[in-house]
């Protein structure tokens, strides 16, 4: 059984299937409020629960909805659900699926983000930048990315701006770009993260200088 919280704050016992359905509806409403069109998966065994589409930005996000407390971390989470989630994460890396966590109070946040979602009364700063030609967006320099997100960034960089890889090692960037493929289980080390952060900062600075960067405020997804 699972626990759900009503609007009045009362907690009730429901089946896991009902809890999952409630979470999907809350996630759908949250994404709609963010300006996305949302399409639900009719298959209960599908890899993603929702597709969120921003037609203006020509952006589609594959969304897997999770409940509060969801984590892919190994420590302290050796239960079968956590293990299955980590297996699915390895399988789904090349498909660029984002986890949207529905909290007990009904609010939502992206799993890979460390910050708290902004509310309507909060003044936000730009957290993402968009490359104008391809329409792809990435976190502003200094923000953290998951391993599969770094893999996608490196793949995008090599495909669209290979000249910006220098003075960094092209072989390093190419190695990172294939880590999101199915069956590739090598995780990104801390030192590699540091180098990737420097590459992201350099690419952002160069593209901004070229007038190829557009920023969006307050958005919490890739």
C-alpha atoms as a PDB file:
ATOM      1  CA  UNK A   1       0.000   0.000   0.000  1.00  0.00           C
ATOM      2  CA  UNK A   2       0.973   3.658  -0.436  1.00  0.00           C
ATOM      3  CA  UNK A   3       0.181   6.973   1.216  1.00  0.00           C
ATOM      4  CA  UNK A   4      -1.438   9.941  -0.558  1.00  0.00           C
ATOM      5  CA  UNK A   5      -2.103  13.401   0.839  1.00  0.00           C
ATOM      6  CA  UNK A   6      -5.391  15.236   0.224  1.00  0.00           C
ATOM      7  CA  UNK A   7      -5.773  18.982  -0.323  1.00  0.00           C
ATOM      8  CA  UNK A   8      -6.665  19.415   3.344  1.00  0.00           C
ATOM      9  CA  UNK A   9      -3.421  17.745   4.374  1.00  0.00           C
ATOM     10  CA  UNK A  10      -5.057  14.514   5.474  1.00  0.00           C
ATOM     11  CA  UNK A  11      -3.045  11.402   4.587  1.00  0.00           C
ATOM     12  CA  UNK A  12      -4.929   8.390   3.230  1.00  0.00           C
ATOM     13  CA  UNK A  13      -3.900   4.848   2.341  1.00  0.00           C
ATOM     14  CA  UNK A  14      -4.207   3.911  -1.346  1.00  0.00           C
ATOM     15  CA  UNK A  15      -2.861   1.180  -3.605  1.00  0.00           C
ATOM     16  CA  UNK A  16       0.457   1.819  -5.401  1.00  0.00           C
ATOM     17  CA  UNK A  17      -1.433   1.921  -8.722  1.00  0.00           C
ATOM     18  CA  UNK A  18      -3.726   4.662  -7.432  1.00  0.00           C
ATOM     19  CA  UNK A  19      -0.755   6.576  -6.000  1.00  0.00           C
ATOM     20  CA  UNK A  20       0.935   6.337  -9.401  1.00  0.00           C
ATOM     21  CA  UNK A  21      -2.172   7.602 -11.193  1.00  0.00           C
ATOM     22  CA  UNK A  22      -2.459  10.545  -8.783  1.00  0.00           C
ATOM     23  CA  UNK A  23       1.213  11.407  -9.331  1.00  0.00           C
ATOM     24  CA  UNK A  24       0.824  11.335 -13.117  1.00  0.00           C
ATOM     25  CA  UNK A  25      -2.164  13.681 -12.975  1.00  0.00           C
ATOM     26  CA  UNK A  26      -0.296  16.096 -10.686  1.00  0.00           C
ATOM     27  CA  UNK A  27       2.766  15.956 -12.950  1.00  0.00           C
ATOM     28  CA  UNK A  28       0.588  16.607 -16.000  1.00  0.00           C
ATOM     29  CA  UNK A  29      -0.978  19.680 -14.371  1.00  0.00           C
ATOM     30  CA  UNK A  30       2.458  20.963 -13.326  1.00  0.00           C
ATOM     31  CA  UNK A  31       3.845  20.624 -16.855  1.00  0.00           C
ATOM     32  CA  UNK A  32       0.752  22.271 -18.371  1.00  0.00           C
ATOM     33  CA  UNK A  33       1.277  25.219 -16.027  1.00  0.00           C
ATOM     34  CA  UNK A  34       4.848  25.454 -17.348  1.00  0.00           C
ATOM     35  CA  UNK A  35       3.540  25.906 -20.900  1.00  0.00           C
ATOM     36  CA  UNK A  36       3.906  22.357 -22.240  1.00  0.00           C
ATOM     37  CA  UNK A  37       1.367  20.237 -24.084  1.00  0.00           C
ATOM     38  CA  UNK A  38       1.331  16.863 -22.350  1.00  0.00           C
ATOM     39  CA  UNK A  39       0.668  13.416 -23.854  1.00  0.00           C
ATOM     40  CA  UNK A  40       0.201  10.368 -21.617  1.00  0.00           C
ATOM     41  CA  UNK A  41       1.486   6.892 -22.415  1.00  0.00           C
ATOM     42  CA  UNK A  42      -1.358   4.371 -22.821  1.00  0.00           C
ATOM     43  CA  UNK A  43       0.994   1.501 -21.932  1.00  0.00           C
ATOM     44  CA  UNK A  44       1.514   0.826 -18.200  1.00  0.00           C
ATOM     45  CA  UNK A  45       4.891  -0.745 -19.057  1.00  0.00           C
ATOM     46  CA  UNK A  46       6.186   2.108 -21.231  1.00  0.00           C
ATOM     47  CA  UNK A  47       9.631   3.590 -20.614  1.00  0.00           C
ATOM     48  CA  UNK A  48       8.218   7.106 -20.210  1.00  0.00           C
ATOM     49  CA  UNK A  49       4.939   8.101 -18.586  1.00  0.00           C
ATOM     50  CA  UNK A  50       4.518  11.422 -20.378  1.00  0.00           C
ATOM     51  CA  UNK A  51       5.711  13.426 -23.364  1.00  0.00           C
ATOM     52  CA  UNK A  52       5.925  17.167 -22.684  1.00  0.00           C
ATOM     53  CA  UNK A  53       6.057  19.322 -25.827  1.00  0.00           C
ATOM     54  CA  UNK A  54       6.881  23.006 -26.137  1.00  0.00           C
ATOM     55  CA  UNK A  55       5.876  23.829 -29.700  1.00  0.00           C
ATOM     56  CA  UNK A  56       7.428  27.309 -29.650  1.00  0.00           C
ATOM     57  CA  UNK A  57      10.874  25.938 -28.797  1.00  0.00           C
ATOM     58  CA  UNK A  58      10.371  22.725 -30.813  1.00  0.00           C
ATOM     59  CA  UNK A  59      11.232  20.826 -27.638  1.00  0.00           C
ATOM     60  CA  UNK A  60      10.045  17.401 -26.498  1.00  0.00           C
ATOM     61  CA  UNK A  61      10.849  15.955 -23.063  1.00  0.00           C
ATOM     62  CA  UNK A  62      10.344  12.276 -22.233  1.00  0.00           C
ATOM     63  CA  UNK A  63       9.118  12.232 -18.633  1.00  0.00           C
ATOM     64  CA  UNK A  64       9.132   9.388 -16.118  1.00  0.00           C
ATOM     65  CA  UNK A  65       7.004  10.335 -13.086  1.00  0.00           C
ATOM     66  CA  UNK A  66       8.249   9.349  -9.617  1.00  0.00           C
ATOM     67  CA  UNK A  67       7.046   9.879  -6.046  1.00  0.00           C
ATOM     68  CA  UNK A  68       8.890  11.811  -3.334  1.00  0.00           C
ATOM     69  CA  UNK A  69      11.905   9.937  -2.024  1.00  0.00           C
ATOM     70  CA  UNK A  70      12.853   8.514  -5.431  1.00  0.00           C
ATOM     71  CA  UNK A  71      16.600   8.178  -5.910  1.00  0.00           C
ATOM     72  CA  UNK A  72      19.084   6.398  -8.152  1.00  0.00           C
ATOM     73  CA  UNK A  73      21.825   6.522  -5.527  1.00  0.00           C
ATOM     74  CA  UNK A  74      23.205   3.151  -4.433  1.00  0.00           C
ATOM     75  CA  UNK A  75      23.841   3.907  -0.758  1.00  0.00           C
ATOM     76  CA  UNK A  76      20.895   3.037   1.456  1.00  0.00           C
ATOM     77  CA  UNK A  77      18.671   2.080  -1.458  1.00  0.00           C
ATOM     78  CA  UNK A  78      19.175  -1.623  -2.086  1.00  0.00           C
ATOM     79  CA  UNK A  79      15.475  -2.414  -2.155  1.00  0.00           C
ATOM     80  CA  UNK A  80      14.094  -4.046  -5.345  1.00  0.00           C
ATOM     81  CA  UNK A  81      12.385  -0.836  -6.536  1.00  0.00           C
ATOM     82  CA  UNK A  82      15.618   1.167  -6.302  1.00  0.00           C
ATOM     83  CA  UNK A  83      17.599  -1.571  -8.050  1.00  0.00           C
ATOM     84  CA  UNK A  84      15.057  -1.731 -10.882  1.00  0.00           C
ATOM     85  CA  UNK A  85      15.152   2.057 -11.211  1.00  0.00           C
ATOM     86  CA  UNK A  86      18.941   1.962 -11.628  1.00  0.00           C
ATOM     87  CA  UNK A  87      18.660  -0.807 -14.240  1.00  0.00           C
ATOM     88  CA  UNK A  88      16.100   1.260 -16.141  1.00  0.00           C
ATOM     89  CA  UNK A  89      18.331   4.329 -15.905  1.00  0.00           C
ATOM     90  CA  UNK A  90      21.181   2.445 -17.597  1.00  0.00           C
ATOM     91  CA  UNK A  91      18.816   1.156 -20.285  1.00  0.00           C
ATOM     92  CA  UNK A  92      17.255   4.577 -20.911  1.00  0.00           C
ATOM     93  CA  UNK A  93      20.377   6.750 -21.061  1.00  0.00           C
ATOM     94  CA  UNK A  94      20.463   7.022 -24.843  1.00  0.00           C
ATOM     95  CA  UNK A  95      16.786   8.028 -24.920  1.00  0.00           C
ATOM     96  CA  UNK A  96      17.267  11.072 -22.690  1.00  0.00           C
ATOM     97  CA  UNK A  97      14.457  10.483 -20.195  1.00  0.00           C
ATOM     98  CA  UNK A  98      13.944  12.965 -17.338  1.00  0.00           C
ATOM     99  CA  UNK A  99      12.568  12.004 -13.937  1.00  0.00           C
ATOM    100  CA  UNK A 100       9.870  14.312 -12.556  1.00  0.00           C
ATOM    101  CA  UNK A 101       9.356  13.811  -8.820  1.00  0.00           C
ATOM    102  CA  UNK A 102       5.905  14.499  -7.358  1.00  0.00           C
ATOM    103  CA  UNK A 103       6.320  15.584  -3.744  1.00  0.00           C
ATOM    104  CA  UNK A 104       3.943  14.741  -0.936  1.00  0.00           C
ATOM    105  CA  UNK A 105       2.495  18.270  -0.986  1.00  0.00           C
ATOM    106  CA  UNK A 106       1.565  17.910  -4.679  1.00  0.00           C
ATOM    107  CA  UNK A 107       4.350  20.117  -6.062  1.00  0.00           C
ATOM    108  CA  UNK A 108       6.894  18.728  -8.564  1.00  0.00           C
ATOM    109  CA  UNK A 109      10.606  19.051  -9.279  1.00  0.00           C
ATOM    110  CA  UNK A 110      13.074  17.519 -11.736  1.00  0.00           C
ATOM    111  CA  UNK A 111      15.159  14.792 -10.104  1.00  0.00           C
ATOM    112  CA  UNK A 112      18.484  15.919 -11.568  1.00  0.00           C
ATOM    113  CA  UNK A 113      18.114  19.467 -10.262  1.00  0.00           C
ATOM    114  CA  UNK A 114      19.459  20.429  -6.830  1.00  0.00           C
ATOM    115  CA  UNK A 115      17.492  23.677  -6.537  1.00  0.00           C
ATOM    116  CA  UNK A 116      13.947  24.212  -5.307  1.00  0.00           C
ATOM    117  CA  UNK A 117      11.351  24.997  -7.997  1.00  0.00           C
ATOM    118  CA  UNK A 118      10.509  28.687  -8.094  1.00  0.00           C
ATOM    119  CA  UNK A 119       7.091  29.902  -6.989  1.00  0.00           C
ATOM    120  CA  UNK A 120       5.068  32.668  -8.588  1.00  0.00           C
ATOM    121  CA  UNK A 121       6.349  35.287  -6.122  1.00  0.00           C
ATOM    122  CA  UNK A 122      10.008  34.452  -6.560  1.00  0.00           C
ATOM    123  CA  UNK A 123      12.445  36.382  -8.750  1.00  0.00           C
ATOM    124  CA  UNK A 124      14.370  33.828 -10.781  1.00  0.00           C
ATOM    125  CA  UNK A 125      17.622  34.033 -12.693  1.00  0.00           C
ATOM    126  CA  UNK A 126      18.357  32.303 -15.979  1.00  0.00           C
ATOM    127  CA  UNK A 127      19.204  28.631 -15.369  1.00  0.00           C
ATOM    128  CA  UNK A 128      19.303  27.499 -18.994  1.00  0.00           C
ATOM    129  CA  UNK A 129      20.680  28.708 -22.285  1.00  0.00           C
ATOM    130  CA  UNK A 130      19.475  27.846 -25.767  1.00  0.00           C
ATOM    131  CA  UNK A 131      21.623  27.578 -28.888  1.00  0.00           C
ATOM    132  CA  UNK A 132      19.593  29.465 -31.488  1.00  0.00           C
ATOM    133  CA  UNK A 133      20.350  27.370 -34.596  1.00  0.00           C
ATOM    134  CA  UNK A 134      19.687  23.879 -33.215  1.00  0.00           C
ATOM    135  CA  UNK A 135      17.252  24.946 -30.481  1.00  0.00           C
ATOM    136  CA  UNK A 136      19.023  22.713 -27.957  1.00  0.00           C
ATOM    137  CA  UNK A 137      19.263  23.964 -24.381  1.00  0.00           C
ATOM    138  CA  UNK A 138      21.651  23.211 -21.546  1.00  0.00           C
ATOM    139  CA  UNK A 139      22.175  24.413 -17.949  1.00  0.00           C
ATOM    140  CA  UNK A 140      24.091  27.615 -17.413  1.00  0.00           C
ATOM    141  CA  UNK A 141      27.779  27.064 -16.552  1.00  0.00           C
ATOM    142  CA  UNK A 142      28.238  26.085 -12.933  1.00  0.00           C
ATOM    143  CA  UNK A 143      25.141  23.872 -12.780  1.00  0.00           C
ATOM    144  CA  UNK A 144      25.359  20.108 -12.414  1.00  0.00           C
ATOM    145  CA  UNK A 145      24.415  17.581 -15.102  1.00  0.00           C
ATOM    146  CA  UNK A 146      23.822  13.851 -14.818  1.00  0.00           C
ATOM    147  CA  UNK A 147      26.166  11.479 -16.684  1.00  0.00           C
ATOM    148  CA  UNK A 148      23.722  10.869 -19.541  1.00  0.00           C
ATOM    149  CA  UNK A 149      23.162  14.635 -19.874  1.00  0.00           C
ATOM    150  CA  UNK A 150      26.901  15.238 -20.243  1.00  0.00           C
ATOM    151  CA  UNK A 151      26.941  12.488 -22.859  1.00  0.00           C
ATOM    152  CA  UNK A 152      24.234  14.233 -24.858  1.00  0.00           C
ATOM    153  CA  UNK A 153      25.992  17.607 -24.546  1.00  0.00           C
ATOM    154  CA  UNK A 154      29.251  16.140 -25.913  1.00  0.00           C
ATOM    155  CA  UNK A 155      27.423  14.415 -28.776  1.00  0.00           C
ATOM    156  CA  UNK A 156      25.670  17.693 -29.653  1.00  0.00           C
ATOM    157  CA  UNK A 157      28.938  19.643 -29.436  1.00  0.00           C
ATOM    158  CA  UNK A 158      30.844  17.295 -31.763  1.00  0.00           C
ATOM    159  CA  UNK A 159      28.000  17.299 -34.263  1.00  0.00           C
ATOM    160  CA  UNK A 160      27.411  21.053 -34.374  1.00  0.00           C
ATOM    161  CA  UNK A 161      30.538  22.852 -33.099  1.00  0.00           C
ATOM    162  CA  UNK A 162      33.569  20.531 -33.331  1.00  0.00           C
ATOM    163  CA  UNK A 163      35.911  23.537 -33.604  1.00  0.00           C
ATOM    164  CA  UNK A 164      34.932  24.609 -30.079  1.00  0.00           C
ATOM    165  CA  UNK A 165      36.280  21.399 -28.550  1.00  0.00           C
ATOM    166  CA  UNK A 166      39.836  22.787 -28.628  1.00  0.00           C
ATOM    167  CA  UNK A 167      41.907  23.254 -26.499  1.00  0.00           C
ATOM    168  CA  UNK A 168      40.375  20.208 -24.806  1.00  0.00           C
ATOM    169  CA  UNK A 169      41.009  16.626 -25.914  1.00  0.00           C
ATOM    170  CA  UNK A 170      38.733  15.569 -28.770  1.00  0.00           C
ATOM    171  CA  UNK A 171      39.179  11.903 -27.809  1.00  0.00           C
ATOM    172  CA  UNK A 172      37.922  12.719 -24.300  1.00  0.00           C
ATOM    173  CA  UNK A 173      34.826  14.459 -25.670  1.00  0.00           C
ATOM    174  CA  UNK A 174      34.170  11.580 -28.086  1.00  0.00           C
ATOM    175  CA  UNK A 175      34.457   9.050 -25.264  1.00  0.00           C
ATOM    176  CA  UNK A 176      31.942  11.044 -23.228  1.00  0.00           C
ATOM    177  CA  UNK A 177      29.564  11.322 -26.182  1.00  0.00           C
ATOM    178  CA  UNK A 178      29.020   7.535 -26.403  1.00  0.00           C
ATOM    179  CA  UNK A 179      28.424   6.895 -22.713  1.00  0.00           C
ATOM    180  CA  UNK A 180      24.677   7.252 -23.126  1.00  0.00           C
ATOM    181  CA  UNK A 181      24.416   4.250 -25.434  1.00  0.00           C
ATOM    182  CA  UNK A 182      22.535   1.134 -24.237  1.00  0.00           C
ATOM    183  CA  UNK A 183      24.823  -1.260 -22.386  1.00  0.00           C
ATOM    184  CA  UNK A 184      27.476   1.373 -21.639  1.00  0.00           C
ATOM    185  CA  UNK A 185      27.620   1.367 -17.862  1.00  0.00           C
ATOM    186  CA  UNK A 186      30.750   3.448 -17.153  1.00  0.00           C
ATOM    187  CA  UNK A 187      29.847   6.422 -14.962  1.00  0.00           C
ATOM    188  CA  UNK A 188      31.406   9.865 -15.104  1.00  0.00           C
ATOM    189  CA  UNK A 189      34.119  10.445 -12.492  1.00  0.00           C
ATOM    190  CA  UNK A 190      34.552  13.621 -10.469  1.00  0.00           C
ATOM    191  CA  UNK A 191      37.658  14.732 -12.391  1.00  0.00           C
ATOM    192  CA  UNK A 192      35.817  14.210 -15.675  1.00  0.00           C
ATOM    193  CA  UNK A 193      32.924  16.295 -14.373  1.00  0.00           C
ATOM    194  CA  UNK A 194      35.365  19.116 -13.641  1.00  0.00           C
ATOM    195  CA  UNK A 195      36.733  19.059 -17.202  1.00  0.00           C
ATOM    196  CA  UNK A 196      33.210  18.874 -18.654  1.00  0.00           C
ATOM    197  CA  UNK A 197      32.231  21.909 -16.596  1.00  0.00           C
ATOM    198  CA  UNK A 198      35.125  23.864 -18.121  1.00  0.00           C
ATOM    199  CA  UNK A 199      34.112  22.755 -21.633  1.00  0.00           C
ATOM    200  CA  UNK A 200      30.521  23.844 -21.037  1.00  0.00           C
ATOM    201  CA  UNK A 201      31.685  27.241 -19.755  1.00  0.00           C
ATOM    202  CA  UNK A 202      33.967  27.743 -22.777  1.00  0.00           C
ATOM    203  CA  UNK A 203      31.319  26.718 -25.298  1.00  0.00           C
ATOM    204  CA  UNK A 204      28.730  28.970 -23.678  1.00  0.00           C
ATOM    205  CA  UNK A 205      31.140  31.949 -23.671  1.00  0.00           C
ATOM    206  CA  UNK A 206      32.119  31.430 -27.332  1.00  0.00           C
ATOM    207  CA  UNK A 207      28.541  31.017 -28.549  1.00  0.00           C
ATOM    208  CA  UNK A 208      27.395  33.998 -26.495  1.00  0.00           C
ATOM    209  CA  UNK A 209      30.145  36.062 -28.096  1.00  0.00           C
ATOM    210  CA  UNK A 210      28.899  34.914 -31.517  1.00  0.00           C
ATOM    211  CA  UNK A 211      25.343  35.949 -30.641  1.00  0.00           C
ATOM    212  CA  UNK A 212      24.113  32.341 -30.747  1.00  0.00           C
ATOM    213  CA  UNK A 213      22.791  32.130 -27.178  1.00  0.00           C
ATOM    214  CA  UNK A 214      19.289  32.762 -25.913  1.00  0.00           C
ATOM    215  CA  UNK A 215      18.481  32.405 -22.208  1.00  0.00           C
ATOM    216  CA  UNK A 216      15.250  31.276 -20.573  1.00  0.00           C
ATOM    217  CA  UNK A 217      14.353  32.150 -16.988  1.00  0.00           C
ATOM    218  CA  UNK A 218      13.045  29.775 -14.387  1.00  0.00           C
ATOM    219  CA  UNK A 219      12.747  26.642 -16.533  1.00  0.00           C
ATOM    220  CA  UNK A 220      13.728  23.471 -14.701  1.00  0.00           C
ATOM    221  CA  UNK A 221      14.215  20.864 -17.422  1.00  0.00           C
ATOM    222  CA  UNK A 222      16.379  19.807 -20.335  1.00  0.00           C
END
